[in-house]
Protein backbone atom coordinates (compact mmCIF):
# COMPACT_ATOMS: atom_id res chain seq x y z
CA UNK A 1 56.04 148.24 112.91
CA UNK A 2 57.08 144.72 111.98
CA UNK A 3 54.92 142.48 109.79
CA UNK A 4 52.78 139.70 111.20
CA UNK A 5 54.42 136.33 111.76
CA UNK A 6 51.27 134.27 111.31
CA UNK A 7 49.75 131.53 113.37
CA UNK A 8 52.00 128.88 114.94
CA UNK A 9 49.24 126.34 114.30
CA UNK A 10 49.48 126.79 110.52
CA UNK A 11 51.53 123.85 109.19
CA UNK A 12 52.88 125.87 106.25
CA UNK A 13 54.57 128.24 108.73
CA UNK A 14 56.44 125.43 110.51
CA UNK A 15 58.98 124.76 107.79
CA UNK A 16 61.16 121.64 107.77
CA UNK A 17 60.08 120.54 111.25
CA UNK A 18 56.65 119.54 109.93
CA UNK A 19 58.04 117.14 107.29
CA UNK A 20 57.73 113.43 108.06
CA UNK A 21 60.79 111.22 107.79
CA UNK A 22 61.19 108.48 105.16
CA UNK A 23 62.79 105.05 105.37
CA UNK A 24 63.28 102.99 102.19
CA UNK A 25 60.86 105.32 100.38
CA UNK A 26 58.05 104.77 102.90
CA UNK A 27 56.72 107.57 105.13
CA UNK A 28 57.49 107.06 108.83
CA UNK A 29 55.34 108.57 111.58
CA UNK A 30 56.07 108.97 115.30
CA UNK A 31 53.99 107.05 117.84
CA UNK A 32 54.18 106.76 121.61
CA UNK A 33 55.61 103.40 122.73
CA UNK A 34 54.86 102.36 126.30
CA UNK A 35 57.25 99.51 127.11
CA UNK A 36 57.58 100.24 130.81
CA UNK A 37 56.32 96.82 131.88
CA UNK A 38 58.77 95.09 129.53
CA UNK A 39 61.72 97.09 130.83
CA UNK A 40 62.08 99.10 127.61
CA UNK A 41 60.84 102.43 128.94
CA UNK A 42 58.50 104.90 127.29
CA UNK A 43 59.55 106.84 124.18
CA UNK A 44 58.48 108.04 120.76
CA UNK A 45 58.88 105.09 118.38
CA UNK A 46 58.70 104.96 114.59
CA UNK A 47 55.97 103.26 112.57
CA UNK A 48 55.08 103.04 108.92
CA UNK A 49 51.82 104.57 107.66
CA UNK A 50 50.21 101.12 107.55
CA UNK A 51 50.67 100.83 111.35
CA UNK A 52 53.63 98.42 111.49
CA UNK A 53 56.22 99.35 114.14
CA UNK A 54 59.81 99.51 112.94
CA UNK A 55 61.86 97.10 115.07
CA UNK A 56 65.59 96.47 115.43
CA UNK A 57 67.27 93.05 115.28
CA UNK A 58 66.38 92.41 118.94
CA UNK A 59 62.65 93.02 118.40
CA UNK A 60 62.53 96.38 120.20
CA UNK A 61 60.83 99.36 118.51
CA UNK A 62 63.26 101.87 116.98
CA UNK A 63 63.13 105.40 118.47
CA UNK A 64 61.82 107.98 115.98
CA UNK A 65 64.83 110.25 116.50
CA UNK A 66 67.19 107.45 115.35
CA UNK A 67 65.72 107.41 111.82
């Protein structure tokens, strides 16, 4: 009989996927951006821990997966 895997809800069992990304030494968190009315669409954007959205040179929020 194989050993127990453990709970999927335990963060220590998730491995690298649970680590937050960093940009210029600051921790970056994902947040849902709803820009549908502006023509940007809805996607997971990146923000710093202090709540500031990370924006590109055009003023649009940067997608979290691009960091």
